[in-house]
Protein backbone atom coordinates (compact mmCIF):
# COMPACT_ATOMS: atom_id res chain seq x y z
CA MET A 1 0.00 0.00 0.00
CA ASN A 2 1.36 3.44 -0.90
CA LYS A 3 1.84 6.22 1.57
CA VAL A 4 -1.07 8.64 1.66
CA ASN A 5 0.95 11.40 -0.03
CA ASN A 6 1.18 9.43 -3.27
CA LEU A 7 -2.01 7.46 -3.80
CA LYS A 8 -3.39 5.99 -7.00
CA ILE A 9 -7.17 6.04 -7.35
CA LEU A 10 -9.48 4.22 -9.77
CA HIS A 11 -12.73 6.11 -10.35
CA ILE A 12 -15.59 4.03 -11.75
CA ASN A 13 -18.45 5.85 -13.46
CA PRO A 14 -20.88 4.40 -16.04
CA TYR A 15 -20.76 7.58 -18.10
CA PRO A 16 -17.53 9.21 -19.35
CA PRO A 17 -16.33 12.69 -18.33
CA ASP A 18 -17.73 14.28 -21.52
CA HIS A 19 -21.27 13.33 -20.51
CA LEU A 20 -23.26 16.29 -19.14
CA GLY A 21 -24.31 15.00 -15.73
CA GLY A 22 -23.60 15.84 -12.11
CA SER A 23 -21.65 12.69 -11.20
CA GLU A 24 -19.60 12.79 -14.42
CA VAL A 25 -18.65 16.44 -13.88
CA PHE A 26 -17.77 15.69 -10.26
CA CYS A 27 -15.71 12.60 -11.12
CA LYS A 28 -13.75 14.46 -13.80
CA ASN A 29 -13.03 17.47 -11.61
CA LEU A 30 -12.20 15.33 -8.60
CA ALA A 31 -9.58 13.38 -10.57
CA ILE A 32 -8.07 16.61 -11.91
CA ASN A 33 -7.99 18.31 -8.52
CA LEU A 34 -6.65 15.29 -6.64
CA LYS A 35 -3.66 15.43 -8.98
CA LYS A 36 -3.33 19.21 -8.86
CA LYS A 37 -3.77 19.71 -5.12
CA LYS A 38 -2.70 16.38 -3.58
CA ASN A 39 -0.50 14.78 -6.25
CA PHE A 40 -2.78 11.70 -6.25
CA ASP A 41 -2.83 9.83 -9.56
CA SER A 42 -6.20 8.77 -10.96
CA ASP A 43 -7.58 6.56 -13.71
CA ILE A 44 -11.23 6.52 -14.80
CA LEU A 45 -13.03 3.32 -15.82
CA THR A 46 -16.19 3.95 -17.82
CA SER A 47 -18.31 2.93 -20.82
CA ASP A 48 -17.70 3.80 -24.46
CA ILE A 49 -21.26 5.11 -24.79
CA LEU A 50 -19.97 8.40 -26.25
CA LYS A 51 -16.76 7.09 -27.87
CA LYS A 52 -17.38 3.85 -29.71
CA ASN A 53 -14.37 1.65 -30.40
CA VAL A 54 -12.03 3.86 -28.34
CA LYS A 55 -10.03 1.80 -25.83
CA PHE A 56 -8.46 4.59 -23.82
CA ASP A 57 -7.84 8.32 -23.77
CA TYR A 58 -6.32 10.93 -21.49
CA LEU A 59 -7.92 13.68 -19.44
CA ASP A 60 -5.86 16.74 -18.56
CA GLY A 61 -2.72 15.06 -19.87
CA SER A 62 -2.16 12.52 -17.09
CA ILE A 63 -5.49 10.92 -16.14
CA LYS A 64 -6.04 7.74 -18.16
CA ILE A 65 -9.62 6.92 -19.15
CA PHE A 66 -10.38 3.27 -19.91
CA TYR A 67 -13.45 2.78 -22.11
CA LYS A 68 -15.29 -0.54 -21.95
CA LYS A 69 -17.82 -1.64 -24.55
CA ASN A 70 -21.42 -0.70 -23.83
CA TYR A 71 -23.50 -3.63 -25.09
CA TYR A 72 -26.86 -2.13 -24.24
CA SER A 73 -28.35 0.67 -22.15
CA LEU A 74 -30.99 -0.72 -19.82
CA TRP A 75 -34.01 1.60 -20.04
CA GLY A 76 -31.76 3.96 -21.96
CA ILE A 77 -29.98 5.09 -18.79
CA ASN A 78 -27.99 2.15 -17.37
CA PRO A 79 -25.04 1.10 -19.56
CA LEU A 80 -24.48 -2.66 -19.72
CA VAL A 81 -20.70 -2.74 -19.61
CA ASN A 82 -18.30 -5.39 -18.31
CA ILE A 83 -15.84 -3.89 -15.81
CA TYR A 84 -15.49 -7.07 -13.74
CA SER A 85 -12.67 -8.48 -15.85
CA PHE A 86 -10.78 -5.18 -15.68
CA LEU A 87 -11.06 -5.16 -11.88
CA LYS A 88 -9.92 -8.77 -11.65
CA LYS A 89 -6.81 -7.99 -13.68
CA ASN A 90 -5.94 -4.54 -12.33
CA TYR A 91 -7.38 -3.93 -8.85
CA GLN A 92 -4.01 -4.41 -7.14
CA ASN A 93 -2.63 -1.41 -9.06
CA TYR A 94 -4.82 0.96 -7.04
CA ASP A 95 -4.85 2.11 -3.43
CA VAL A 96 -8.54 3.08 -3.47
CA ILE A 97 -11.38 2.20 -5.83
CA HIS A 98 -13.87 5.06 -5.81
CA VAL A 99 -17.25 4.11 -7.32
CA HIS A 100 -19.66 6.87 -8.33
CA SER A 101 -23.41 6.27 -7.78
CA TYR A 102 -25.06 3.14 -6.44
CA LEU A 103 -27.69 2.95 -9.18
CA PHE A 104 -25.71 1.39 -12.01
CA LEU A 105 -24.50 -2.04 -13.10
CA THR A 106 -20.92 -0.79 -12.78
CA SER A 107 -21.55 -0.26 -9.06
CA LEU A 108 -23.01 -3.75 -8.64
CA GLN A 109 -20.02 -5.36 -10.37
CA SER A 110 -17.66 -3.42 -8.10
CA ALA A 111 -19.51 -4.64 -5.02
CA LEU A 112 -19.55 -8.25 -6.26
CA PHE A 113 -15.81 -8.15 -6.87
CA ARG A 114 -15.23 -6.57 -3.45
CA LYS A 115 -16.87 -9.66 -1.94
CA ILE A 116 -14.11 -11.92 -3.28
CA ARG A 117 -11.12 -9.56 -3.14
CA LYS A 118 -10.02 -7.22 -0.38
CA PHE A 119 -9.47 -3.61 -1.49
CA PRO A 120 -10.56 -0.16 -0.21
CA TYR A 121 -13.97 0.44 -1.83
CA VAL A 122 -15.52 3.91 -1.50
CA LEU A 123 -19.07 4.39 -2.81
CA HIS A 124 -20.11 7.94 -3.68
CA ILE A 125 -23.85 8.69 -3.65
CA HIS A 126 -24.80 11.45 -6.10
CA GLY A 127 -28.52 11.59 -5.26
CA GLY A 128 -31.39 9.43 -6.49
CA ILE A 129 -31.85 7.75 -3.12
CA GLN A 130 -35.59 8.06 -2.60
CA THR A 131 -37.39 9.29 -5.70
CA PRO A 132 -41.18 9.10 -5.15
CA GLN A 133 -42.87 6.92 -7.75
CA ASN A 134 -45.53 9.53 -8.44
CA LEU A 135 -42.83 11.89 -9.77
CA SER A 136 -42.95 10.37 -13.23
CA SER A 137 -44.45 11.67 -16.44
CA GLY A 138 -45.48 8.37 -18.04
CA LEU A 139 -45.92 4.64 -17.69
CA ILE A 140 -42.31 3.79 -18.55
CA GLU A 141 -40.82 6.20 -16.01
CA ARG A 142 -43.36 5.05 -13.41
CA ALA A 143 -42.38 1.43 -14.03
CA GLN A 144 -38.68 2.32 -13.72
CA LEU A 145 -39.21 4.07 -10.39
CA GLY A 146 -41.42 1.25 -9.14
CA PHE A 147 -38.73 -1.30 -9.98
CA LYS A 148 -36.07 0.84 -8.31
CA ASN A 149 -38.02 1.50 -5.11
CA MET A 150 -39.53 -1.96 -4.61
CA PHE A 151 -36.82 -4.29 -5.94
CA PHE A 152 -33.53 -2.63 -6.86
CA ASP A 153 -33.05 -0.65 -3.65
CA LYS A 154 -34.19 -3.51 -1.44
CA TRP A 155 -31.78 -6.07 -2.87
CA ILE A 156 -29.17 -4.66 -5.24
CA GLY A 157 -28.80 -1.13 -3.90
CA SER A 158 -28.69 -2.36 -0.32
CA PHE A 159 -26.03 -4.96 -1.19
CA THR A 160 -23.94 -2.38 -3.07
CA MET A 161 -24.02 0.05 -0.15
CA LYS A 162 -23.41 -2.48 2.61
CA THR A 163 -20.40 -3.88 0.77
CA ALA A 164 -18.68 -0.48 0.64
CA ASP A 165 -15.98 0.34 3.18
CA ALA A 166 -17.11 3.98 3.17
CA LEU A 167 -20.10 5.91 1.87
CA ILE A 168 -19.94 9.52 0.70
CA SER A 169 -23.07 11.54 -0.05
CA VAL A 170 -23.39 14.97 -1.65
CA SER A 171 -26.46 15.65 0.53
CA LYS A 172 -26.93 15.60 4.31
CA LYS A 173 -30.55 14.60 3.81
CA ASP A 174 -29.55 11.56 1.76
CA LEU A 175 -27.20 10.41 4.52
CA ASP A 176 -30.15 10.27 6.93
CA ILE A 177 -32.21 8.33 4.38
CA ILE A 178 -29.33 5.89 3.76
CA LYS A 179 -29.08 5.09 7.45
CA LYS A 180 -32.82 4.41 7.80
CA ARG A 181 -33.77 2.98 4.39
CA PHE A 182 -30.72 0.76 3.90
CA ASN A 183 -29.93 0.10 7.57
CA ILE A 184 -26.32 1.27 7.23
CA GLN A 185 -25.14 1.47 10.83
CA HIS A 186 -21.35 1.85 10.56
CA ASN A 187 -19.70 5.22 11.12
CA HIS A 188 -17.92 5.43 7.77
CA LYS A 189 -20.57 7.71 6.23
CA TYR A 190 -19.49 11.16 5.10
CA TYR A 191 -21.18 14.29 3.81
CA ILE A 192 -19.00 15.80 1.09
CA PRO A 193 -20.86 18.15 -1.27
CA ASN A 194 -20.23 18.74 -4.94
CA GLY A 195 -17.26 20.97 -5.73
CA VAL A 196 -16.86 24.02 -7.93
CA ASN A 197 -13.78 25.35 -9.68
CA THR A 198 -14.02 28.90 -8.37
CA GLU A 199 -11.15 30.04 -10.60
CA ILE A 200 -13.17 29.21 -13.71
CA PHE A 201 -16.66 29.86 -12.40
CA ASN A 202 -16.64 33.50 -11.39
CA LYS A 203 -18.33 36.74 -12.30
CA LYS A 204 -17.45 38.33 -15.64
CA LYS A 205 -18.68 41.49 -17.25
CA GLU A 206 -20.78 40.42 -20.22
CA ASN A 207 -22.52 42.34 -22.97
CA GLY A 208 -25.45 41.27 -25.11
CA LYS A 209 -28.64 39.43 -24.26
CA MET A 210 -29.33 38.29 -20.73
CA PHE A 211 -31.58 35.32 -20.00
CA VAL A 212 -33.81 33.56 -17.51
CA THR A 213 -32.15 30.16 -17.69
CA PHE A 214 -32.91 26.46 -17.18
CA ILE A 215 -30.06 23.92 -17.19
CA GLY A 216 -30.64 20.19 -16.83
CA ARG A 217 -32.62 17.20 -18.01
CA LEU A 218 -35.93 18.20 -19.60
CA SER A 219 -38.06 15.89 -17.49
CA TYR A 220 -41.00 15.84 -15.12
CA ILE A 221 -38.80 15.16 -12.09
CA LYS A 222 -36.66 18.18 -12.97
CA GLY A 223 -39.85 20.23 -13.24
CA PHE A 224 -39.25 21.36 -16.81
CA ASP A 225 -43.01 21.65 -17.35
CA ILE A 226 -43.11 24.01 -14.35
CA PHE A 227 -40.34 26.10 -15.89
CA MET A 228 -42.27 26.38 -19.15
CA ASN A 229 -45.43 27.46 -17.33
CA VAL A 230 -43.46 30.02 -15.33
CA ILE A 231 -41.84 31.68 -18.35
CA LYS A 232 -45.16 31.81 -20.23
CA GLU A 233 -46.70 33.67 -17.31
CA LEU A 234 -43.61 35.81 -16.80
CA TYR A 235 -43.50 36.95 -20.42
CA LYS A 236 -47.06 38.31 -20.41
CA ASN A 237 -46.00 41.51 -18.65
CA ASN A 238 -42.25 41.40 -19.28
CA LYS A 239 -41.75 41.46 -23.04
CA ASP A 240 -38.09 42.45 -22.71
CA LEU A 241 -37.11 39.05 -21.27
CA ASN A 242 -35.32 36.25 -23.11
CA PHE A 243 -35.18 32.59 -22.09
CA LEU A 244 -32.41 30.02 -22.39
CA ILE A 245 -32.68 26.23 -22.05
CA ILE A 246 -29.68 23.89 -21.93
CA GLY A 247 -30.48 20.18 -21.90
CA LYS A 248 -32.50 17.39 -23.46
CA GLY A 249 -35.03 14.84 -22.30
CA PRO A 250 -38.59 13.57 -22.73
CA LEU A 251 -40.20 17.01 -22.30
CA LYS A 252 -38.13 18.63 -25.03
CA LYS A 253 -41.34 18.47 -27.08
CA LEU A 254 -42.67 21.42 -25.05
CA ILE A 255 -40.11 23.83 -26.49
CA LYS A 256 -40.98 24.09 -30.19
CA PRO A 257 -44.66 25.06 -29.76
CA ALA A 258 -43.69 27.63 -27.11
CA GLN A 259 -41.07 29.21 -29.39
CA LYS A 260 -43.90 30.53 -31.58
CA ASN A 261 -44.78 33.02 -28.85
CA LEU A 262 -41.72 33.21 -26.61
CA PRO A 263 -38.08 34.24 -27.29
CA ILE A 264 -36.52 30.90 -26.30
CA LEU A 265 -33.03 29.74 -27.22
CA HIS A 266 -32.35 26.03 -26.75
CA SER A 267 -29.32 23.77 -26.99
CA ASP A 268 -29.25 20.05 -26.19
CA TYR A 269 -25.69 20.33 -24.97
CA TYR A 270 -23.10 22.93 -24.04
CA PRO A 271 -19.48 22.10 -23.11
CA HIS A 272 -19.01 22.21 -19.37
CA GLU A 273 -15.82 24.26 -19.58
CA LYS A 274 -17.83 26.99 -21.34
CA MET A 275 -20.82 26.96 -18.98
CA VAL A 276 -19.36 29.96 -17.16
CA ASP A 277 -20.48 32.03 -20.16
CA ILE A 278 -24.05 30.75 -19.75
CA TYR A 279 -24.18 31.70 -16.07
CA ASN A 280 -22.75 35.14 -16.79
CA HIS A 281 -25.36 35.71 -19.50
CA SER A 282 -28.16 34.78 -17.08
CA LYS A 283 -30.13 37.28 -15.02
CA VAL A 284 -31.36 34.39 -12.95
CA VAL A 285 -31.05 30.59 -13.02
CA LEU A 286 -34.33 28.85 -12.27
CA ILE A 287 -34.34 25.35 -10.73
CA THR A 288 -37.89 23.98 -10.69
CA SER A 289 -37.18 20.37 -9.71
CA ARG A 290 -39.82 18.25 -7.98
CA PHE A 291 -37.02 16.10 -6.57
CA GLU A 292 -33.37 17.02 -6.31
CA GLY A 293 -30.05 16.41 -4.61
CA VAL A 294 -27.52 19.24 -4.55
CA PRO A 295 -27.32 20.26 -8.22
CA THR A 296 -23.93 21.34 -9.54
CA THR A 297 -25.63 23.97 -11.71
CA MET A 298 -26.86 25.68 -8.53
CA LEU A 299 -23.34 25.85 -7.07
CA GLU A 300 -21.79 27.04 -10.33
CA SER A 301 -24.45 29.75 -10.65
CA LEU A 302 -23.71 30.98 -7.14
CA ALA A 303 -19.96 30.95 -7.86
CA CYS A 304 -20.64 33.27 -10.83
CA GLU A 305 -22.75 35.55 -8.59
CA THR A 306 -25.84 34.71 -10.64
CA PRO A 307 -29.03 34.67 -8.51
CA VAL A 308 -30.74 31.29 -8.11
CA ILE A 309 -34.45 30.76 -7.55
CA ALA A 310 -35.14 27.12 -6.73
CA SER A 311 -37.68 24.61 -5.45
CA ASN A 312 -37.52 23.98 -1.71
CA VAL A 313 -36.83 20.25 -2.13
CA GLY A 314 -34.09 17.70 -1.43
CA GLY A 315 -30.65 19.13 -0.76
CA ILE A 316 -31.39 22.57 -2.25
CA PRO A 317 -32.23 24.26 1.10
CA GLU A 318 -28.88 22.98 2.42
CA VAL A 319 -27.35 25.61 0.10
CA ILE A 320 -29.97 28.24 -0.75
CA ARG A 321 -30.76 30.35 2.29
CA ASN A 322 -33.98 32.15 1.54
CA ASP A 323 -33.58 35.91 1.07
CA GLU A 324 -29.84 35.65 1.81
CA ASN A 325 -28.21 34.06 -1.24
CA GLY A 326 -31.30 33.17 -3.30
CA LEU A 327 -35.00 32.44 -3.12
CA LEU A 328 -36.92 29.21 -2.53
CA ILE A 329 -40.20 28.27 -4.22
CA GLU A 330 -42.74 26.39 -2.11
CA ASN A 331 -45.01 23.71 -3.61
CA PHE A 332 -43.92 24.35 -7.22
CA ASN A 333 -46.17 27.41 -7.27
CA THR A 334 -46.06 29.19 -10.65
CA LYS A 335 -47.45 32.47 -9.31
CA SER A 336 -44.94 32.51 -6.46
CA ALA A 337 -42.05 31.78 -8.84
CA VAL A 338 -43.08 34.60 -11.20
CA THR A 339 -43.35 37.06 -8.31
CA LYS A 340 -39.91 36.13 -7.00
CA ILE A 341 -38.26 36.31 -10.42
CA ILE A 342 -39.69 39.78 -11.04
CA ASP A 343 -38.53 40.84 -7.58
CA VAL A 344 -34.95 39.79 -8.32
CA LEU A 345 -34.95 41.22 -11.85
CA HIS A 346 -36.22 44.62 -10.72
CA ASP A 347 -34.24 44.95 -7.49
CA GLN A 348 -30.59 45.25 -8.52
CA ASP A 349 -29.40 45.67 -4.93
CA LYS A 350 -31.05 42.39 -3.94
CA SER A 351 -29.65 40.67 -7.02
CA ARG A 352 -26.12 41.85 -6.21
CA THR A 353 -26.47 40.85 -2.56
CA PHE A 354 -27.61 37.35 -3.51
CA GLY A 355 -24.67 37.10 -5.90
CA LYS A 356 -22.04 38.23 -3.39
CA ASN A 357 -23.42 36.00 -0.62
CA GLY A 358 -23.68 33.05 -2.98
CA ARG A 359 -20.06 33.24 -4.07
CA LYS A 360 -18.91 33.74 -0.48
CA LEU A 361 -20.69 30.52 0.52
CA VAL A 362 -19.21 28.56 -2.40
CA LEU A 363 -15.68 29.72 -1.57
CA LYS A 364 -16.16 28.67 2.05
CA ASP A 365 -17.85 25.27 1.61
CA PHE A 366 -17.69 24.11 -2.01
CA SER A 367 -14.31 25.03 -3.50
CA TRP A 368 -12.09 22.17 -4.65
CA ASP A 369 -9.54 23.02 -1.96
CA VAL A 370 -12.21 22.19 0.63
CA ILE A 371 -13.55 19.12 -1.20
CA THR A 372 -10.18 17.47 -1.88
CA ASP A 373 -9.18 17.92 1.78
CA LYS A 374 -12.32 16.04 2.81
CA ILE A 375 -11.84 13.28 0.23
CA GLU A 376 -8.23 12.85 1.36
CA MET A 377 -9.42 12.32 4.93
CA VAL A 378 -11.73 9.50 3.76
CA TYR A 379 -8.90 7.84 1.82
CA LYS A 380 -6.58 8.13 4.83
CA ASN A 381 -8.83 5.83 6.83
CA PHE A 382 -7.82 2.96 4.52
CA THR A 383 -4.29 3.88 3.47
CA SER A 384 -2.50 5.22 6.56
């Protein structure tokens, strides 16, 4: 085992770093910052879902990404990829194996292999712990959530979590649920939130159009239908506003009809390294989720001093302090959301105060200096 000042970590994530998702962004930035700030080497083991027939690649010059063939995506969201053989051949090359999310077949394979071989196995929970089944927009999504809640969590999810030597969650609320729902009684459970590169994500002086912005999956759970209702109502008496949507999903179909009457710009995807431009061109970022963890977009918005108005659900109120660094919407109320958006748009002093307080909070609790220190402490428990 290496000394703690020169560890080698294997990160396992079903989706590669280029995929626009919270756990992928976190995994990529964690690997980069562990090297930069701690001199820990990292590899990433993932699927080739975005890069067919590519065996390996490099991230940031030194982080090797191993791509394994994706044979099928279960329900379109769970890559069927064989990582077991890679672990069997290579696990002894790593001091810690850090698995991201408990929901995927990659996590199950890691847990199964941990049962037959001894190695430090850290499982990182990126949300999705207790999604209510009624938060689905159709029969397929309802069936998926029913399967997850009644079968997957009870047997597979529970096994995956109980096998881990340590559990990390991005949300304090999820840690409480894990203890009760999965009966995880050991003390190796840690709250470590998502991190933000505060050198990249900061306030810039921008010219041109400014937007009311939505960033994320265009789905019922993310409340994209609520966002669309809000901007329709908002535009009635505020014809100078423009709207920006970044993301794709089953409710994308709502955009085209609305564009006949509303000034909406939409892009399925925007490179993460350029998202700072989106935040700086936003008057406000609106998060209308019905269910949520601690979204990275919220933290990045705050780092850029862009006001956030968000649903009072999940881990959001762990970050947004009402009337201090943003505003919370109760009960997905369209009228309330419109009132609060107008308030922020018309009160520049309030908008600036939210922005300054938001960045101050991110620097204190969510910078990568803070996050890598906390991750290092978890690793030390197994490598000292």
